[in-house]
Amino acid sequence: MRTEARLFTGVAAFFAVTAVGYGRRSAEPAGTAALALACVMAGLVAFFLHVQHRRHGERAQDRPDAEVVETAGPVAFFPPHSPWPVTIALGAVLLALGVVFGLWLALIGLGVLGSGVVGMVLQYADRDAQSSGPSAESRSDSTP
């Protein structure tokens, strides 16, 4: 992920330089804020990718002498089904409608959105603890 981290670092630097230049040459704060926010978002992605690179080391894609066969194998864990994306979408819709129709609906939407985000983050939080326990065969042998 080193290449991706460098790419997003370059994007963040571009937006930072553009935001500074735009802010000095124009009197419009909205464009400057949008460019600064784009810089922050690209910087967050670059930081995440850099941390993942430090945590997991080099991938085969990061080495110029790597072969295609080195990338074979399981990629990651993909959840089979989850109700939380629908909950998050419903909360976002309620929050957006709350901006139009009133604070009471926005607060309900914020609550639904927050519960959806927390549910999605914590849905598989104990997956690593379960996989490090006894294997499935030994658990099935011990049950009557």
N, C-alpha and C. Protein backbone atom coordinates (compact mmCIF):
# COMPACT_ATOMS: atom_id res chain seq x y z
N MET A 1 0.81 -1.19 0.00
CA MET A 1 0.00 0.00 0.00
C MET A 1 0.86 1.26 0.00
N ARG A 2 2.14 1.04 -0.15
CA ARG A 2 3.03 2.19 -0.17
C ARG A 2 2.76 3.08 -1.37
N THR A 3 2.51 2.48 -2.53
CA THR A 3 2.25 3.27 -3.73
C THR A 3 0.97 4.09 -3.58
N GLU A 4 -0.07 3.47 -3.04
CA GLU A 4 -1.33 4.19 -2.84
C GLU A 4 -1.17 5.31 -1.83
N ALA A 5 -0.40 5.08 -0.77
CA ALA A 5 -0.17 6.13 0.23
C ALA A 5 0.57 7.31 -0.39
N ARG A 6 1.56 7.02 -1.22
CA ARG A 6 2.28 8.11 -1.89
C ARG A 6 1.38 8.86 -2.87
N LEU A 7 0.52 8.13 -3.56
CA LEU A 7 -0.40 8.76 -4.50
C LEU A 7 -1.33 9.73 -3.77
N PHE A 8 -1.94 9.29 -2.68
CA PHE A 8 -2.86 10.16 -1.95
C PHE A 8 -2.14 11.27 -1.22
N THR A 9 -0.88 11.06 -0.85
CA THR A 9 -0.10 12.15 -0.27
C THR A 9 0.12 13.24 -1.33
N GLY A 10 0.39 12.82 -2.55
CA GLY A 10 0.53 13.79 -3.64
C GLY A 10 -0.76 14.54 -3.93
N VAL A 11 -1.89 13.82 -3.88
CA VAL A 11 -3.18 14.47 -4.08
C VAL A 11 -3.44 15.49 -2.97
N ALA A 12 -3.14 15.12 -1.73
CA ALA A 12 -3.34 16.05 -0.61
C ALA A 12 -2.43 17.27 -0.75
N ALA A 13 -1.19 17.05 -1.17
CA ALA A 13 -0.29 18.19 -1.36
C ALA A 13 -0.78 19.10 -2.48
N PHE A 14 -1.29 18.50 -3.55
CA PHE A 14 -1.84 19.31 -4.64
C PHE A 14 -2.99 20.17 -4.15
N PHE A 15 -3.92 19.58 -3.40
CA PHE A 15 -5.06 20.35 -2.90
C PHE A 15 -4.62 21.40 -1.90
N ALA A 16 -3.58 21.11 -1.11
CA ALA A 16 -3.08 22.12 -0.15
C ALA A 16 -2.50 23.32 -0.89
N VAL A 17 -1.68 23.08 -1.90
CA VAL A 17 -1.09 24.17 -2.67
C VAL A 17 -2.18 24.95 -3.41
N THR A 18 -3.14 24.21 -3.97
CA THR A 18 -4.24 24.86 -4.68
C THR A 18 -5.09 25.69 -3.74
N ALA A 19 -5.37 25.17 -2.55
CA ALA A 19 -6.18 25.92 -1.58
C ALA A 19 -5.48 27.19 -1.13
N VAL A 20 -4.18 27.12 -0.90
CA VAL A 20 -3.44 28.32 -0.49
C VAL A 20 -3.44 29.34 -1.62
N GLY A 21 -3.15 28.89 -2.83
CA GLY A 21 -3.14 29.81 -3.97
C GLY A 21 -4.51 30.40 -4.25
N TYR A 22 -5.53 29.59 -4.18
CA TYR A 22 -6.89 30.06 -4.43
C TYR A 22 -7.33 31.03 -3.34
N GLY A 23 -6.96 30.72 -2.11
CA GLY A 23 -7.34 31.60 -1.00
C GLY A 23 -6.69 32.96 -1.08
N ARG A 24 -5.44 33.01 -1.56
CA ARG A 24 -4.75 34.30 -1.67
C ARG A 24 -5.24 35.12 -2.86
N ARG A 25 -5.62 34.46 -3.95
CA ARG A 25 -6.00 35.19 -5.15
C ARG A 25 -7.47 35.55 -5.21
N SER A 26 -8.30 34.84 -4.47
CA SER A 26 -9.73 35.13 -4.54
C SER A 26 -10.24 35.58 -3.18
N ALA A 27 -11.39 36.18 -3.21
CA ALA A 27 -12.01 36.61 -1.96
C ALA A 27 -13.17 35.69 -1.60
N GLU A 28 -13.20 34.51 -2.21
CA GLU A 28 -14.31 33.59 -1.97
C GLU A 28 -13.92 32.54 -0.94
N PRO A 29 -14.54 32.53 0.21
CA PRO A 29 -14.16 31.55 1.24
C PRO A 29 -14.71 30.16 0.97
N ALA A 30 -15.78 30.02 0.19
CA ALA A 30 -16.37 28.71 -0.05
C ALA A 30 -15.44 27.81 -0.86
N GLY A 31 -14.84 28.35 -1.90
CA GLY A 31 -13.92 27.55 -2.70
C GLY A 31 -12.68 27.17 -1.93
N THR A 32 -12.18 28.10 -1.14
CA THR A 32 -11.00 27.81 -0.31
C THR A 32 -11.32 26.71 0.70
N ALA A 33 -12.50 26.79 1.30
CA ALA A 33 -12.89 25.76 2.27
C ALA A 33 -13.06 24.40 1.60
N ALA A 34 -13.63 24.39 0.39
CA ALA A 34 -13.81 23.13 -0.33
C ALA A 34 -12.46 22.51 -0.69
N LEU A 35 -11.54 23.32 -1.13
CA LEU A 35 -10.21 22.79 -1.46
C LEU A 35 -9.47 22.32 -0.21
N ALA A 36 -9.61 23.06 0.88
CA ALA A 36 -8.98 22.64 2.14
C ALA A 36 -9.59 21.33 2.63
N LEU A 37 -10.89 21.18 2.50
CA LEU A 37 -11.54 19.94 2.91
C LEU A 37 -11.11 18.78 2.03
N ALA A 38 -10.94 19.01 0.73
CA ALA A 38 -10.44 17.97 -0.16
C ALA A 38 -9.03 17.56 0.23
N CYS A 39 -8.22 18.52 0.65
CA CYS A 39 -6.87 18.23 1.13
C CYS A 39 -6.91 17.36 2.39
N VAL A 40 -7.79 17.70 3.31
CA VAL A 40 -7.91 16.92 4.55
C VAL A 40 -8.38 15.50 4.25
N MET A 41 -9.37 15.36 3.37
CA MET A 41 -9.88 14.02 3.05
C MET A 41 -8.80 13.16 2.37
N ALA A 42 -8.07 13.72 1.43
CA ALA A 42 -6.99 12.96 0.79
C ALA A 42 -5.89 12.64 1.79
N GLY A 43 -5.64 13.56 2.72
CA GLY A 43 -4.64 13.30 3.76
C GLY A 43 -5.06 12.17 4.69
N LEU A 44 -6.35 12.08 5.00
CA LEU A 44 -6.83 10.99 5.85
C LEU A 44 -6.66 9.64 5.16
N VAL A 45 -6.98 9.58 3.88
CA VAL A 45 -6.80 8.34 3.14
C VAL A 45 -5.32 7.97 3.07
N ALA A 46 -4.46 8.96 2.82
CA ALA A 46 -3.02 8.70 2.77
C ALA A 46 -2.50 8.21 4.11
N PHE A 47 -2.98 8.80 5.20
CA PHE A 47 -2.56 8.36 6.53
C PHE A 47 -3.01 6.93 6.80
N PHE A 48 -4.25 6.60 6.45
CA PHE A 48 -4.75 5.24 6.65
C PHE A 48 -3.92 4.23 5.86
N LEU A 49 -3.64 4.54 4.60
CA LEU A 49 -2.85 3.62 3.78
C LEU A 49 -1.43 3.48 4.30
N HIS A 50 -0.86 4.55 4.81
CA HIS A 50 0.49 4.49 5.38
C HIS A 50 0.50 3.61 6.64
N VAL A 51 -0.50 3.75 7.48
CA VAL A 51 -0.58 2.92 8.69
C VAL A 51 -0.76 1.45 8.30
N GLN A 52 -1.59 1.17 7.29
CA GLN A 52 -1.78 -0.21 6.85
C GLN A 52 -0.49 -0.79 6.27
N HIS A 53 0.27 0.03 5.58
CA HIS A 53 1.55 -0.44 5.04
C HIS A 53 2.52 -0.77 6.17
N ARG A 54 2.56 0.08 7.19
CA ARG A 54 3.46 -0.18 8.32
C ARG A 54 3.00 -1.39 9.12
N ARG A 55 1.71 -1.60 9.20
CA ARG A 55 1.16 -2.70 9.99
C ARG A 55 1.33 -4.04 9.29
N HIS A 56 1.10 -4.09 7.97
CA HIS A 56 1.10 -5.36 7.25
C HIS A 56 2.33 -5.58 6.37
N GLY A 57 3.19 -4.59 6.24
CA GLY A 57 4.39 -4.74 5.43
C GLY A 57 4.12 -4.60 3.95
N GLU A 58 5.14 -4.92 3.17
CA GLU A 58 5.02 -4.77 1.73
C GLU A 58 4.17 -5.88 1.14
N ARG A 59 3.35 -5.49 0.18
CA ARG A 59 2.60 -6.47 -0.59
C ARG A 59 3.40 -6.79 -1.84
N ALA A 60 2.96 -7.80 -2.54
CA ALA A 60 3.63 -8.15 -3.79
C ALA A 60 3.50 -7.02 -4.81
N GLN A 61 2.40 -6.29 -4.76
CA GLN A 61 2.19 -5.19 -5.70
C GLN A 61 3.16 -4.04 -5.48
N ASP A 62 3.78 -3.96 -4.31
CA ASP A 62 4.72 -2.89 -4.00
C ASP A 62 6.13 -3.17 -4.51
N ARG A 63 6.41 -4.41 -4.90
CA ARG A 63 7.75 -4.78 -5.36
C ARG A 63 7.79 -4.88 -6.88
N PRO A 64 8.79 -4.30 -7.52
CA PRO A 64 8.85 -4.37 -8.99
C PRO A 64 9.20 -5.77 -9.51
N ASP A 65 9.82 -6.62 -8.69
CA ASP A 65 10.22 -7.95 -9.15
C ASP A 65 9.21 -9.03 -8.79
N ALA A 66 8.01 -8.67 -8.35
CA ALA A 66 7.01 -9.64 -7.91
C ALA A 66 6.34 -10.33 -9.08
N GLU A 67 5.89 -11.54 -8.84
CA GLU A 67 5.15 -12.31 -9.83
C GLU A 67 3.67 -12.26 -9.49
N VAL A 68 2.82 -12.49 -10.48
CA VAL A 68 1.38 -12.44 -10.29
C VAL A 68 0.92 -13.52 -9.31
N VAL A 69 1.57 -14.69 -9.34
CA VAL A 69 1.17 -15.80 -8.50
C VAL A 69 1.37 -15.48 -7.00
N GLU A 70 2.22 -14.52 -6.67
CA GLU A 70 2.45 -14.16 -5.27
C GLU A 70 1.24 -13.50 -4.62
N THR A 71 0.33 -12.99 -5.43
CA THR A 71 -0.84 -12.32 -4.87
C THR A 71 -2.02 -13.28 -4.68
N ALA A 72 -1.84 -14.57 -4.98
CA ALA A 72 -2.91 -15.54 -4.85
C ALA A 72 -3.20 -15.81 -3.38
N GLY A 73 -4.39 -16.28 -3.11
CA GLY A 73 -4.78 -16.63 -1.75
C GLY A 73 -5.93 -15.79 -1.27
N PRO A 74 -6.32 -16.02 -0.02
CA PRO A 74 -7.46 -15.26 0.51
C PRO A 74 -7.11 -13.78 0.64
N VAL A 75 -8.05 -12.94 0.24
CA VAL A 75 -7.82 -11.51 0.26
C VAL A 75 -8.17 -10.92 1.62
N ALA A 76 -9.40 -11.11 2.06
CA ALA A 76 -9.85 -10.55 3.32
C ALA A 76 -11.18 -11.17 3.69
N PHE A 77 -11.74 -10.72 4.78
CA PHE A 77 -13.05 -11.17 5.22
C PHE A 77 -14.10 -10.24 4.66
N PHE A 78 -15.09 -10.78 3.96
CA PHE A 78 -16.19 -10.01 3.43
C PHE A 78 -17.47 -10.51 4.08
N PRO A 79 -18.19 -9.65 4.79
CA PRO A 79 -19.40 -10.10 5.49
C PRO A 79 -20.46 -10.57 4.50
N PRO A 80 -21.14 -11.66 4.81
CA PRO A 80 -22.13 -12.20 3.87
C PRO A 80 -23.39 -11.35 3.76
N HIS A 81 -23.85 -10.80 4.86
CA HIS A 81 -25.05 -9.95 4.83
C HIS A 81 -25.03 -9.07 6.06
N SER A 82 -25.67 -7.92 5.94
CA SER A 82 -25.67 -6.98 7.05
C SER A 82 -26.84 -6.02 6.92
N PRO A 83 -27.56 -5.77 8.00
CA PRO A 83 -28.65 -4.79 7.93
C PRO A 83 -28.17 -3.35 8.11
N TRP A 84 -26.91 -3.16 8.48
CA TRP A 84 -26.45 -1.83 8.85
C TRP A 84 -26.29 -0.86 7.69
N PRO A 85 -25.93 -1.26 6.49
CA PRO A 85 -25.91 -0.28 5.39
C PRO A 85 -27.28 0.33 5.11
N VAL A 86 -28.33 -0.48 5.22
CA VAL A 86 -29.68 0.04 5.01
C VAL A 86 -30.05 1.00 6.15
N THR A 87 -29.64 0.67 7.37
CA THR A 87 -29.90 1.55 8.51
C THR A 87 -29.17 2.88 8.33
N ILE A 88 -27.93 2.84 7.88
CA ILE A 88 -27.17 4.06 7.65
C ILE A 88 -27.83 4.90 6.54
N ALA A 89 -28.27 4.25 5.48
CA ALA A 89 -28.94 4.98 4.40
C ALA A 89 -30.24 5.63 4.89
N LEU A 90 -31.00 4.90 5.70
CA LEU A 90 -32.24 5.47 6.25
C LEU A 90 -31.94 6.66 7.15
N GLY A 91 -30.90 6.54 7.97
CA GLY A 91 -30.52 7.65 8.84
C GLY A 91 -30.06 8.86 8.06
N ALA A 92 -29.33 8.64 6.97
CA ALA A 92 -28.88 9.76 6.14
C ALA A 92 -30.04 10.44 5.46
N VAL A 93 -31.02 9.67 5.00
CA VAL A 93 -32.20 10.26 4.37
C VAL A 93 -33.00 11.06 5.39
N LEU A 94 -33.19 10.50 6.58
CA LEU A 94 -33.93 11.23 7.62
C LEU A 94 -33.19 12.50 8.03
N LEU A 95 -31.88 12.43 8.11
CA LEU A 95 -31.10 13.61 8.46
C LEU A 95 -31.22 14.68 7.38
N ALA A 96 -31.16 14.28 6.12
CA ALA A 96 -31.31 15.25 5.03
C ALA A 96 -32.72 15.84 4.99
N LEU A 97 -33.72 15.02 5.23
CA LEU A 97 -35.08 15.53 5.29
C LEU A 97 -35.29 16.42 6.50
N GLY A 98 -34.57 16.14 7.57
CA GLY A 98 -34.65 16.98 8.76
C GLY A 98 -34.13 18.37 8.52
N VAL A 99 -33.16 18.51 7.63
CA VAL A 99 -32.66 19.84 7.28
C VAL A 99 -33.76 20.65 6.60
N VAL A 100 -34.61 19.96 5.84
CA VAL A 100 -35.68 20.64 5.12
C VAL A 100 -36.90 20.88 6.01
N PHE A 101 -37.32 19.84 6.75
CA PHE A 101 -38.61 19.91 7.44
C PHE A 101 -38.53 20.29 8.92
N GLY A 102 -37.40 20.12 9.56
CA GLY A 102 -37.34 20.54 10.96
C GLY A 102 -36.28 19.81 11.76
N LEU A 103 -35.94 20.40 12.87
CA LEU A 103 -34.90 19.87 13.73
C LEU A 103 -35.27 18.53 14.33
N TRP A 104 -36.54 18.34 14.63
CA TRP A 104 -36.97 17.08 15.24
C TRP A 104 -36.67 15.89 14.33
N LEU A 105 -36.88 16.04 13.04
CA LEU A 105 -36.61 14.95 12.10
C LEU A 105 -35.10 14.77 11.91
N ALA A 106 -34.36 15.86 11.95
CA ALA A 106 -32.91 15.76 11.84
C ALA A 106 -32.32 15.03 13.04
N LEU A 107 -32.85 15.27 14.22
CA LEU A 107 -32.36 14.58 15.42
C LEU A 107 -32.68 13.09 15.37
N ILE A 108 -33.86 12.74 14.88
CA ILE A 108 -34.19 11.32 14.70
C ILE A 108 -33.24 10.69 13.69
N GLY A 109 -33.01 11.39 12.57
CA GLY A 109 -32.08 10.88 11.56
C GLY A 109 -30.67 10.73 12.08
N LEU A 110 -30.24 11.68 12.90
CA LEU A 110 -28.91 11.59 13.50
C LEU A 110 -28.80 10.37 14.41
N GLY A 111 -29.86 10.10 15.17
CA GLY A 111 -29.86 8.92 16.04
C GLY A 111 -29.82 7.63 15.26
N VAL A 112 -30.64 7.54 14.20
CA VAL A 112 -30.66 6.33 13.37
C VAL A 112 -29.31 6.16 12.67
N LEU A 113 -28.76 7.25 12.16
CA LEU A 113 -27.46 7.20 11.49
C LEU A 113 -26.36 6.78 12.46
N GLY A 114 -26.36 7.34 13.65
CA GLY A 114 -25.35 6.98 14.65
C GLY A 114 -25.45 5.52 15.06
N SER A 115 -26.67 5.03 15.27
CA SER A 115 -26.82 3.62 15.65
C SER A 115 -26.39 2.70 14.51
N GLY A 116 -26.65 3.11 13.27
CA GLY A 116 -26.22 2.30 12.13
C GLY A 116 -24.70 2.24 12.01
N VAL A 117 -24.05 3.38 12.23
CA VAL A 117 -22.58 3.40 12.15
C VAL A 117 -21.97 2.56 13.26
N VAL A 118 -22.48 2.71 14.48
CA VAL A 118 -21.96 1.92 15.61
C VAL A 118 -22.22 0.44 15.37
N GLY A 119 -23.40 0.10 14.88
CA GLY A 119 -23.70 -1.30 14.59
C GLY A 119 -22.81 -1.88 13.52
N MET A 120 -22.52 -1.10 12.48
CA MET A 120 -21.66 -1.60 11.41
C MET A 120 -20.22 -1.77 11.88
N VAL A 121 -19.75 -0.84 12.69
CA VAL A 121 -18.37 -0.92 13.18
C VAL A 121 -18.20 -2.11 14.12
N LEU A 122 -19.18 -2.35 14.97
CA LEU A 122 -19.05 -3.39 15.99
C LEU A 122 -19.64 -4.73 15.58
N GLN A 123 -20.16 -4.84 14.37
CA GLN A 123 -20.83 -6.07 13.95
C GLN A 123 -19.89 -7.28 14.01
N TYR A 124 -18.70 -7.16 13.55
CA TYR A 124 -17.76 -8.27 13.53
C TYR A 124 -16.55 -7.97 14.42
N ALA A 125 -16.76 -7.23 15.50
CA ALA A 125 -15.66 -6.87 16.39
C ALA A 125 -15.08 -8.09 17.10
N ASP A 126 -15.88 -9.10 17.37
CA ASP A 126 -15.38 -10.28 18.07
C ASP A 126 -14.98 -11.40 17.12
N ARG A 127 -14.90 -11.14 15.82
CA ARG A 127 -14.55 -12.18 14.84
C ARG A 127 -13.15 -12.72 15.07
N ASP A 128 -12.18 -11.86 15.40
CA ASP A 128 -10.81 -12.32 15.63
C ASP A 128 -10.72 -13.15 16.90
N ALA A 129 -11.48 -12.79 17.94
CA ALA A 129 -11.45 -13.55 19.17
C ALA A 129 -12.03 -14.95 18.96
N GLN A 130 -13.06 -15.07 18.12
CA GLN A 130 -13.63 -16.38 17.85
C GLN A 130 -12.70 -17.24 17.00
N SER A 131 -12.00 -16.63 16.06
CA SER A 131 -11.12 -17.41 15.19
C SER A 131 -9.86 -17.86 15.91
N SER A 132 -9.47 -17.21 17.01
CA SER A 132 -8.27 -17.62 17.73
C SER A 132 -8.57 -18.68 18.78
N GLY A 133 -9.83 -19.00 19.00
CA GLY A 133 -10.22 -20.00 19.98
C GLY A 133 -10.03 -21.39 19.41
N PRO A 134 -10.65 -22.39 20.07
CA PRO A 134 -10.53 -23.76 19.56
C PRO A 134 -11.15 -23.88 18.18
N SER A 135 -10.64 -24.80 17.40
CA SER A 135 -11.12 -24.96 16.03
C SER A 135 -12.55 -25.49 16.02
N ALA A 136 -13.19 -25.39 14.88
CA ALA A 136 -14.59 -25.80 14.76
C ALA A 136 -14.73 -27.32 14.95
N GLU A 137 -13.74 -28.11 14.52
CA GLU A 137 -13.82 -29.56 14.67
C GLU A 137 -13.76 -29.96 16.13
N SER A 138 -12.87 -29.31 16.91
CA SER A 138 -12.75 -29.70 18.32
C SER A 138 -13.98 -29.25 19.10
N ARG A 139 -14.63 -28.17 18.68
CA ARG A 139 -15.85 -27.75 19.38
C ARG A 139 -16.99 -28.68 19.05
N SER A 140 -17.06 -29.16 17.81
CA SER A 140 -18.16 -30.06 17.44
C SER A 140 -17.97 -31.45 18.05
N ASP A 141 -16.72 -31.89 18.29
CA ASP A 141 -16.48 -33.16 18.91
C ASP A 141 -16.87 -33.17 20.38
N SER A 142 -16.76 -32.03 21.05
CA SER A 142 -17.01 -31.99 22.49
C SER A 142 -18.48 -31.82 22.81
N THR A 143 -19.32 -31.47 21.83
CA THR A 143 -20.74 -31.32 22.11
C THR A 143 -21.44 -32.63 21.89
N PRO A 144 -22.47 -32.92 22.71
CA PRO A 144 -23.15 -34.23 22.56
C PRO A 144 -24.03 -34.28 21.34
